[in-house]
PDB file of N, CA and C in Angstrom:
ATOM      1  N   MET A   1     101.699  80.007 115.446  1.00  0.00           N
ATOM      2  CA  MET A   1     102.079  81.208 116.140  1.00  0.00           C
ATOM      3  C   MET A   1     101.909  81.012 117.645  1.00  0.00           C
ATOM      4  N   THR A   2     102.615  80.093 118.148  1.00  0.00           N
ATOM      5  CA  THR A   2     102.508  79.810 119.565  1.00  0.00           C
ATOM      6  C   THR A   2     103.065  80.966 120.383  1.00  0.00           C
ATOM      7  N   GLY A   3     102.487  81.173 121.536  1.00  0.00           N
ATOM      8  CA  GLY A   3     102.960  82.204 122.439  1.00  0.00           C
ATOM      9  C   GLY A   3     102.435  83.601 122.144  1.00  0.00           C
ATOM     10  N   MET A   4     101.624  83.734 121.102  1.00  0.00           N
ATOM     11  CA  MET A   4     101.090  85.051 120.761  1.00  0.00           C
ATOM     12  C   MET A   4      99.638  85.143 121.212  1.00  0.00           C
ATOM     13  N   CYS A   5      99.291  86.274 121.795  1.00  0.00           N
ATOM     14  CA  CYS A   5      97.914  86.513 122.200  1.00  0.00           C
ATOM     15  C   CYS A   5      97.077  86.837 120.961  1.00  0.00           C
ATOM     16  N   ALA A   6      95.772  86.850 121.137  1.00  0.00           N
ATOM     17  CA  ALA A   6      94.865  87.128 120.020  1.00  0.00           C
ATOM     18  C   ALA A   6      95.149  88.499 119.399  1.00  0.00           C
ATOM     19  N   GLN A   7      95.463  89.493 120.218  1.00  0.00           N
ATOM     20  CA  GLN A   7      95.748  90.839 119.711  1.00  0.00           C
ATOM     21  C   GLN A   7      97.007  90.828 118.833  1.00  0.00           C
ATOM     22  N   ALA A   8      98.011  90.072 119.241  1.00  0.00           N
ATOM     23  CA  ALA A   8      99.247  89.980 118.449  1.00  0.00           C
ATOM     24  C   ALA A   8      98.977  89.262 117.130  1.00  0.00           C
ATOM     25  N   ARG A   9      98.172  88.212 117.154  1.00  0.00           N
ATOM     26  CA  ARG A   9      97.826  87.500 115.917  1.00  0.00           C
ATOM     27  C   ARG A   9      97.083  88.417 114.951  1.00  0.00           C
ATOM     28  N   LYS A  10      96.177  89.236 115.474  1.00  0.00           N
ATOM     29  CA  LYS A  10      95.443  90.178 114.617  1.00  0.00           C
ATOM     30  C   LYS A  10      96.394  91.198 113.997  1.00  0.00           C
ATOM     31  N   ALA A  11      97.310  91.717 114.801  1.00  0.00           N
ATOM     32  CA  ALA A  11      98.286  92.683 114.281  1.00  0.00           C
ATOM     33  C   ALA A  11      99.158  92.028 113.211  1.00  0.00           C
ATOM     34  N   TRP A  12      99.583  90.784 113.448  1.00  0.00           N
ATOM     35  CA  TRP A  12     100.406  90.047 112.485  1.00  0.00           C
ATOM     36  C   TRP A  12      99.639  89.871 111.174  1.00  0.00           C
ATOM     37  N   ASP A  13      98.395  89.461 111.278  1.00  0.00           N
ATOM     38  CA  ASP A  13      97.592  89.197 110.081  1.00  0.00           C
ATOM     39  C   ASP A  13      97.364  90.449 109.239  1.00  0.00           C
ATOM     40  N   LYS A  14      97.278  91.610 109.873  1.00  0.00           N
ATOM     41  CA  LYS A  14      97.010  92.838 109.108  1.00  0.00           C
ATOM     42  C   LYS A  14      98.278  93.571 108.665  1.00  0.00           C
ATOM     43  N   ALA A  15      99.423  93.171 109.191  1.00  0.00           N
ATOM     44  CA  ALA A  15     100.687  93.828 108.820  1.00  0.00           C
ATOM     45  C   ALA A  15     101.059  93.512 107.375  1.00  0.00           C
ATOM     46  N   ALA A  16     101.814  94.411 106.777  1.00  0.00           N
ATOM     47  CA  ALA A  16     102.253  94.237 105.387  1.00  0.00           C
ATOM     48  C   ALA A  16     103.162  93.022 105.250  1.00  0.00           C
ATOM     49  N   ILE A  17     102.968  92.311 104.155  1.00  0.00           N
ATOM     50  CA  ILE A  17     103.811  91.165 103.820  1.00  0.00           C
ATOM     51  C   ILE A  17     105.096  91.695 103.193  1.00  0.00           C
ATOM     52  N   VAL A  18     106.208  91.044 103.489  1.00  0.00           N
ATOM     53  CA  VAL A  18     107.493  91.422 102.901  1.00  0.00           C
ATOM     54  C   VAL A  18     107.617  90.680 101.570  1.00  0.00           C
ATOM     55  N   PRO A  19     107.627  91.400 100.459  1.00  0.00           N
ATOM     56  CA  PRO A  19     107.700  90.733  99.151  1.00  0.00           C
ATOM     57  C   PRO A  19     108.935  89.845  99.048  1.00  0.00           C
ATOM     58  N   GLY A  20     108.736  88.643  98.554  1.00  0.00           N
ATOM     59  CA  GLY A  20     109.843  87.716  98.354  1.00  0.00           C
ATOM     60  C   GLY A  20     110.175  86.847  99.549  1.00  0.00           C
ATOM     61  N   LEU A  21     109.549  87.107 100.696  1.00  0.00           N
ATOM     62  CA  LEU A  21     109.803  86.298 101.882  1.00  0.00           C
ATOM     63  C   LEU A  21     108.531  85.558 102.289  1.00  0.00           C
ATOM     64  N   ASP A  22     108.694  84.462 102.997  1.00  0.00           N
ATOM     65  CA  ASP A  22     107.571  83.630 103.437  1.00  0.00           C
ATOM     66  C   ASP A  22     106.628  84.459 104.303  1.00  0.00           C
ATOM     67  N   GLU A  23     105.406  84.651 103.844  1.00  0.00           N
ATOM     68  CA  GLU A  23     104.456  85.495 104.566  1.00  0.00           C
ATOM     69  C   GLU A  23     104.019  84.895 105.900  1.00  0.00           C
ATOM     70  N   ASP A  24     104.243  83.614 106.098  1.00  0.00           N
ATOM     71  CA  ASP A  24     103.939  83.009 107.393  1.00  0.00           C
ATOM     72  C   ASP A  24     105.019  83.317 108.425  1.00  0.00           C
ATOM     73  N   LEU A  25     106.207  83.680 107.956  1.00  0.00           N
ATOM     74  CA  LEU A  25     107.337  83.908 108.862  1.00  0.00           C
ATOM     75  C   LEU A  25     107.767  85.360 108.983  1.00  0.00           C
ATOM     76  N   TRP A  26     107.467  86.199 107.983  1.00  0.00           N
ATOM     77  CA  TRP A  26     107.945  87.577 107.957  1.00  0.00           C
ATOM     78  C   TRP A  26     106.811  88.554 107.702  1.00  0.00           C
ATOM     79  N   ARG A  27     106.883  89.673 108.394  1.00  0.00           N
ATOM     80  CA  ARG A  27     105.970  90.790 108.170  1.00  0.00           C
ATOM     81  C   ARG A  27     106.776  92.077 108.281  1.00  0.00           C
ATOM     82  N   MET A  28     106.156  93.160 107.905  1.00  0.00           N
ATOM     83  CA  MET A  28     106.802  94.463 107.951  1.00  0.00           C
ATOM     84  C   MET A  28     106.247  95.237 109.147  1.00  0.00           C
ATOM     85  N   ALA A  29     107.128  95.688 110.026  1.00  0.00           N
ATOM     86  CA  ALA A  29     106.710  96.550 111.133  1.00  0.00           C
ATOM     87  C   ALA A  29     106.251  97.882 110.557  1.00  0.00           C
ATOM     88  N   ILE A  30     105.540  98.653 111.337  1.00  0.00           N
ATOM     89  CA  ILE A  30     105.006  99.930 110.870  1.00  0.00           C
ATOM     90  C   ILE A  30     106.110 100.883 110.399  1.00  0.00           C
ATOM     91  N   CYS A  31     107.319 100.722 110.909  1.00  0.00           N
ATOM     92  CA  CYS A  31     108.444 101.574 110.500  1.00  0.00           C
ATOM     93  C   CYS A  31     109.089 101.097 109.205  1.00  0.00           C
ATOM     94  N   GLY A  32     108.659  99.935 108.697  1.00  0.00           N
ATOM     95  CA  GLY A  32     109.220  99.404 107.466  1.00  0.00           C
ATOM     96  C   GLY A  32     110.270  98.330 107.667  1.00  0.00           C
ATOM     97  N   GLN A  33     110.556  97.991 108.895  1.00  0.00           N
ATOM     98  CA  GLN A  33     111.567  96.980 109.193  1.00  0.00           C
ATOM     99  C   GLN A  33     110.948  95.585 109.182  1.00  0.00           C
ATOM    100  N   PRO A  34     111.600  94.613 108.521  1.00  0.00           N
ATOM    101  CA  PRO A  34     111.107  93.241 108.557  1.00  0.00           C
ATOM    102  C   PRO A  34     111.247  92.657 109.965  1.00  0.00           C
ATOM    103  N   VAL A  35     110.225  91.907 110.383  1.00  0.00           N
ATOM    104  CA  VAL A  35     110.260  91.233 111.678  1.00  0.00           C
ATOM    105  C   VAL A  35     109.875  89.769 111.484  1.00  0.00           C
ATOM    106  N   SER A  36     110.366  88.924 112.366  1.00  0.00           N
ATOM    107  CA  SER A  36     110.121  87.489 112.296  1.00  0.00           C
ATOM    108  C   SER A  36     109.008  87.088 113.251  1.00  0.00           C
ATOM    109  N   ARG A  37     108.100  86.254 112.770  1.00  0.00           N
ATOM    110  CA  ARG A  37     107.003  85.779 113.601  1.00  0.00           C
ATOM    111  C   ARG A  37     107.526  85.156 114.902  1.00  0.00           C
ATOM    112  N   ASP A  38     108.610  84.403 114.791  1.00  0.00           N
ATOM    113  CA  ASP A  38     109.156  83.701 115.948  1.00  0.00           C
ATOM    114  C   ASP A  38     109.852  84.606 116.957  1.00  0.00           C
ATOM    115  N   ALA A  39     110.006  85.886 116.637  1.00  0.00           N
ATOM    116  CA  ALA A  39     110.719  86.808 117.523  1.00  0.00           C
ATOM    117  C   ALA A  39     109.763  87.750 118.265  1.00  0.00           C
ATOM    118  N   PHE A  40     108.517  87.339 118.428  1.00  0.00           N
ATOM    119  CA  PHE A  40     107.546  88.159 119.149  1.00  0.00           C
ATOM    120  C   PHE A  40     108.025  88.407 120.573  1.00  0.00           C
ATOM    121  N   GLN A  41     108.112  89.652 120.954  1.00  0.00           N
ATOM    122  CA  GLN A  41     108.546  90.118 122.277  1.00  0.00           C
ATOM    123  C   GLN A  41     109.972  89.704 122.626  1.00  0.00           C
ATOM    124  N   SER A  42     110.797  89.519 121.608  1.00  0.00           N
ATOM    125  CA  SER A  42     112.185  89.118 121.832  1.00  0.00           C
ATOM    126  C   SER A  42     113.110  90.306 121.593  1.00  0.00           C
ATOM    127  N   ALA A  43     113.464  90.975 122.659  1.00  0.00           N
ATOM    128  CA  ALA A  43     114.352  92.142 122.557  1.00  0.00           C
ATOM    129  C   ALA A  43     115.770  91.734 122.182  1.00  0.00           C
ATOM    130  N   ASP A  44     116.119  90.465 122.370  1.00  0.00           N
ATOM    131  CA  ASP A  44     117.461  89.991 122.037  1.00  0.00           C
ATOM    132  C   ASP A  44     117.608  89.629 120.565  1.00  0.00           C
ATOM    133  N   SER A  45     116.507  89.581 119.844  1.00  0.00           N
ATOM    134  CA  SER A  45     116.535  89.189 118.441  1.00  0.00           C
ATOM    135  C   SER A  45     116.711  90.401 117.542  1.00  0.00           C
ATOM    136  N   ASP A  46     117.415  90.208 116.443  1.00  0.00           N
ATOM    137  CA  ASP A  46     117.544  91.262 115.435  1.00  0.00           C
ATOM    138  C   ASP A  46     116.209  91.534 114.755  1.00  0.00           C
ATOM    139  N   CYS A  47     115.280  90.591 114.865  1.00  0.00           N
ATOM    140  CA  CYS A  47     113.988  90.687 114.181  1.00  0.00           C
ATOM    141  C   CYS A  47     112.834  90.781 115.168  1.00  0.00           C
ATOM    142  N   GLY A  48     113.109  91.160 116.412  1.00  0.00           N
ATOM    143  CA  GLY A  48     112.101  91.208 117.458  1.00  0.00           C
ATOM    144  C   GLY A  48     111.042  92.274 117.239  1.00  0.00           C
ATOM    145  N   TRP A  49     109.868  92.006 117.804  1.00  0.00           N
ATOM    146  CA  TRP A  49     108.765  92.944 117.653  1.00  0.00           C
ATOM    147  C   TRP A  49     107.791  92.813 118.811  1.00  0.00           C
ATOM    148  N   ARG A  50     106.938  93.828 118.914  1.00  0.00           N
ATOM    149  CA  ARG A  50     105.864  93.828 119.902  1.00  0.00           C
ATOM    150  C   ARG A  50     104.669  94.497 119.243  1.00  0.00           C
ATOM    151  N   ILE A  51     103.568  94.550 119.961  1.00  0.00           N
ATOM    152  CA  ILE A  51     102.413  95.236 119.413  1.00  0.00           C
ATOM    153  C   ILE A  51     102.160  96.510 120.189  1.00  0.00           C
ATOM    154  N   ALA A  52     101.651  97.490 119.486  1.00  0.00           N
ATOM    155  CA  ALA A  52     101.224  98.756 120.084  1.00  0.00           C
ATOM    156  C   ALA A  52      99.887  99.067 119.430  1.00  0.00           C
ATOM    157  N   GLY A  53      98.835  98.956 120.205  1.00  0.00           N
ATOM    158  CA  GLY A  53      97.499  99.095 119.633  1.00  0.00           C
ATOM    159  C   GLY A  53      97.245  97.926 118.712  1.00  0.00           C
ATOM    160  N   SER A  54      97.118  98.209 117.440  1.00  0.00           N
ATOM    161  CA  SER A  54      96.911  97.138 116.465  1.00  0.00           C
ATOM    162  C   SER A  54      98.046  97.074 115.450  1.00  0.00           C
ATOM    163  N   HIS A  55      99.208  97.609 115.816  1.00  0.00           N
ATOM    164  CA  HIS A  55     100.346  97.660 114.898  1.00  0.00           C
ATOM    165  C   HIS A  55     101.532  96.876 115.435  1.00  0.00           C
ATOM    166  N   ILE A  56     102.365  96.422 114.513  1.00  0.00           N
ATOM    167  CA  ILE A  56     103.626  95.771 114.856  1.00  0.00           C
ATOM    168  C   ILE A  56     104.700  96.848 114.971  1.00  0.00           C
ATOM    169  N   ILE A  57     105.411  96.826 116.076  1.00  0.00           N
ATOM    170  CA  ILE A  57     106.501  97.758 116.338  1.00  0.00           C
ATOM    171  C   ILE A  57     107.796  96.955 116.447  1.00  0.00           C
ATOM    172  N   ALA A  58     108.792  97.285 115.633  1.00  0.00           N
ATOM    173  CA  ALA A  58     110.086  96.604 115.707  1.00  0.00           C
ATOM    174  C   ALA A  58     110.787  96.989 117.006  1.00  0.00           C
ATOM    175  N   LEU A  59     111.430  96.025 117.626  1.00  0.00           N
ATOM    176  CA  LEU A  59     112.160  96.303 118.866  1.00  0.00           C
ATOM    177  C   LEU A  59     113.561  96.844 118.600  1.00  0.00           C
ATOM    178  N   ALA A  60     114.097  96.569 117.417  1.00  0.00           N
ATOM    179  CA  ALA A  60     115.417  97.093 117.054  1.00  0.00           C
ATOM    180  C   ALA A  60     115.224  98.318 116.175  1.00  0.00           C
ATOM    181  N   PRO A  61     115.963  99.384 116.403  1.00  0.00           N
ATOM    182  CA  PRO A  61     115.854 100.557 115.532  1.00  0.00           C
ATOM    183  C   PRO A  61     116.197 100.201 114.087  1.00  0.00           C
ATOM    184  N   LEU A  62     115.465 100.740 113.140  1.00  0.00           N
ATOM    185  CA  LEU A  62     115.684 100.454 111.726  1.00  0.00           C
ATOM    186  C   LEU A  62     117.115 100.790 111.329  1.00  0.00           C
ATOM    187  N   GLY A  63     117.768  99.832 110.716  1.00  0.00           N
ATOM    188  CA  GLY A  63     119.128 100.033 110.232  1.00  0.00           C
ATOM    189  C   GLY A  63     120.203  99.823 111.268  1.00  0.00           C
ATOM    190  N   SER A  64     119.828  99.539 112.506  1.00  0.00           N
ATOM    191  CA  SER A  64     120.850  99.390 113.533  1.00  0.00           C
ATOM    192  C   SER A  64     121.363  97.957 113.633  1.00  0.00           C
ATOM    193  N   ARG A  65     120.691  97.053 112.977  1.00  0.00           N
ATOM    194  CA  ARG A  65     121.078  95.647 113.075  1.00  0.00           C
ATOM    195  C   ARG A  65     121.570  95.128 111.727  1.00  0.00           C
ATOM    196  N   LYS A  66     122.466  94.174 111.782  1.00  0.00           N
ATOM    197  CA  LYS A  66     123.089  93.679 110.559  1.00  0.00           C
ATOM    198  C   LYS A  66     122.139  92.887 109.671  1.00  0.00           C
ATOM    199  N   HIS A  67     120.990  92.457 110.163  1.00  0.00           N
ATOM    200  CA  HIS A  67     120.072  91.655 109.352  1.00  0.00           C
ATOM    201  C   HIS A  67     119.237  92.486 108.391  1.00  0.00           C
ATOM    202  N   VAL A  68     119.077  93.738 108.633  1.00  0.00           N
ATOM    203  CA  VAL A  68     118.126  94.545 107.873  1.00  0.00           C
ATOM    204  C   VAL A  68     118.498  94.605 106.398  1.00  0.00           C
ATOM    205  N   GLU A  69     119.727  94.920 106.077  1.00  0.00           N
ATOM    206  CA  GLU A  69     120.120  95.063 104.678  1.00  0.00           C
ATOM    207  C   GLU A  69     119.953  93.768 103.884  1.00  0.00           C
ATOM    208  N   PRO A  70     120.442  92.611 104.348  1.00  0.00           N
ATOM    209  CA  PRO A  70     120.239  91.383 103.557  1.00  0.00           C
ATOM    210  C   PRO A  70     118.759  91.005 103.394  1.00  0.00           C
ATOM    211  N   VAL A  71     117.952  91.202 104.417  1.00  0.00           N
ATOM    212  CA  VAL A  71     116.536  90.853 104.325  1.00  0.00           C
ATOM    213  C   VAL A  71     115.846  91.766 103.318  1.00  0.00           C
ATOM    214  N   LEU A  72     116.111  93.046 103.370  1.00  0.00           N
ATOM    215  CA  LEU A  72     115.505  93.959 102.414  1.00  0.00           C
ATOM    216  C   LEU A  72     116.015  93.712 100.994  1.00  0.00           C
ATOM    217  N   ARG A  73     117.286  93.385 100.853  1.00  0.00           N
ATOM    218  CA  ARG A  73     117.837  93.093  99.534  1.00  0.00           C
ATOM    219  C   ARG A  73     117.124  91.886  98.928  1.00  0.00           C
ATOM    220  N   LEU A  74     116.915  90.844  99.717  1.00  0.00           N
ATOM    221  CA  LEU A  74     116.210  89.653  99.254  1.00  0.00           C
ATOM    222  C   LEU A  74     114.770  90.003  98.881  1.00  0.00           C
ATOM    223  N   ALA A  75     114.115  90.792  99.718  1.00  0.00           N
ATOM    224  CA  ALA A  75     112.723  91.164  99.461  1.00  0.00           C
ATOM    225  C   ALA A  75     112.589  91.998  98.200  1.00  0.00           C
ATOM    226  N   LEU A  76     113.504  92.915  97.985  1.00  0.00           N
ATOM    227  CA  LEU A  76     113.420  93.816  96.833  1.00  0.00           C
ATOM    228  C   LEU A  76     113.850  93.141  95.531  1.00  0.00           C
ATOM    229  N   ALA A  77     114.592  92.036  95.624  1.00  0.00           N
ATOM    230  CA  ALA A  77     115.049  91.338  94.434  1.00  0.00           C
ATOM    231  C   ALA A  77     113.933  90.565  93.753  1.00  0.00           C
ATOM    232  N   SER A  78     112.862  90.289  94.471  1.00  0.00           N
ATOM    233  CA  SER A  78     111.787  89.496  93.865  1.00  0.00           C
ATOM    234  C   SER A  78     110.760  90.348  93.171  1.00  0.00           C
TER     235      SER A  78
END
């Protein structure tokens, strides 16, 4: 998890795992949107996220990006 501060690592570690996806690469933002570890503070990414307090906040509004449906479909299929 290069480029992440200790606070971001703590938030990542406590965030919900997305069932069916690699827990080292994917977590669930507090709003329920899947986010990618590699997209920390990346507003240009469909899977971008930041921290607020001790929570992961998705940078893209839920459902506004084309990646959300396929990622959730994969997660729910397992």
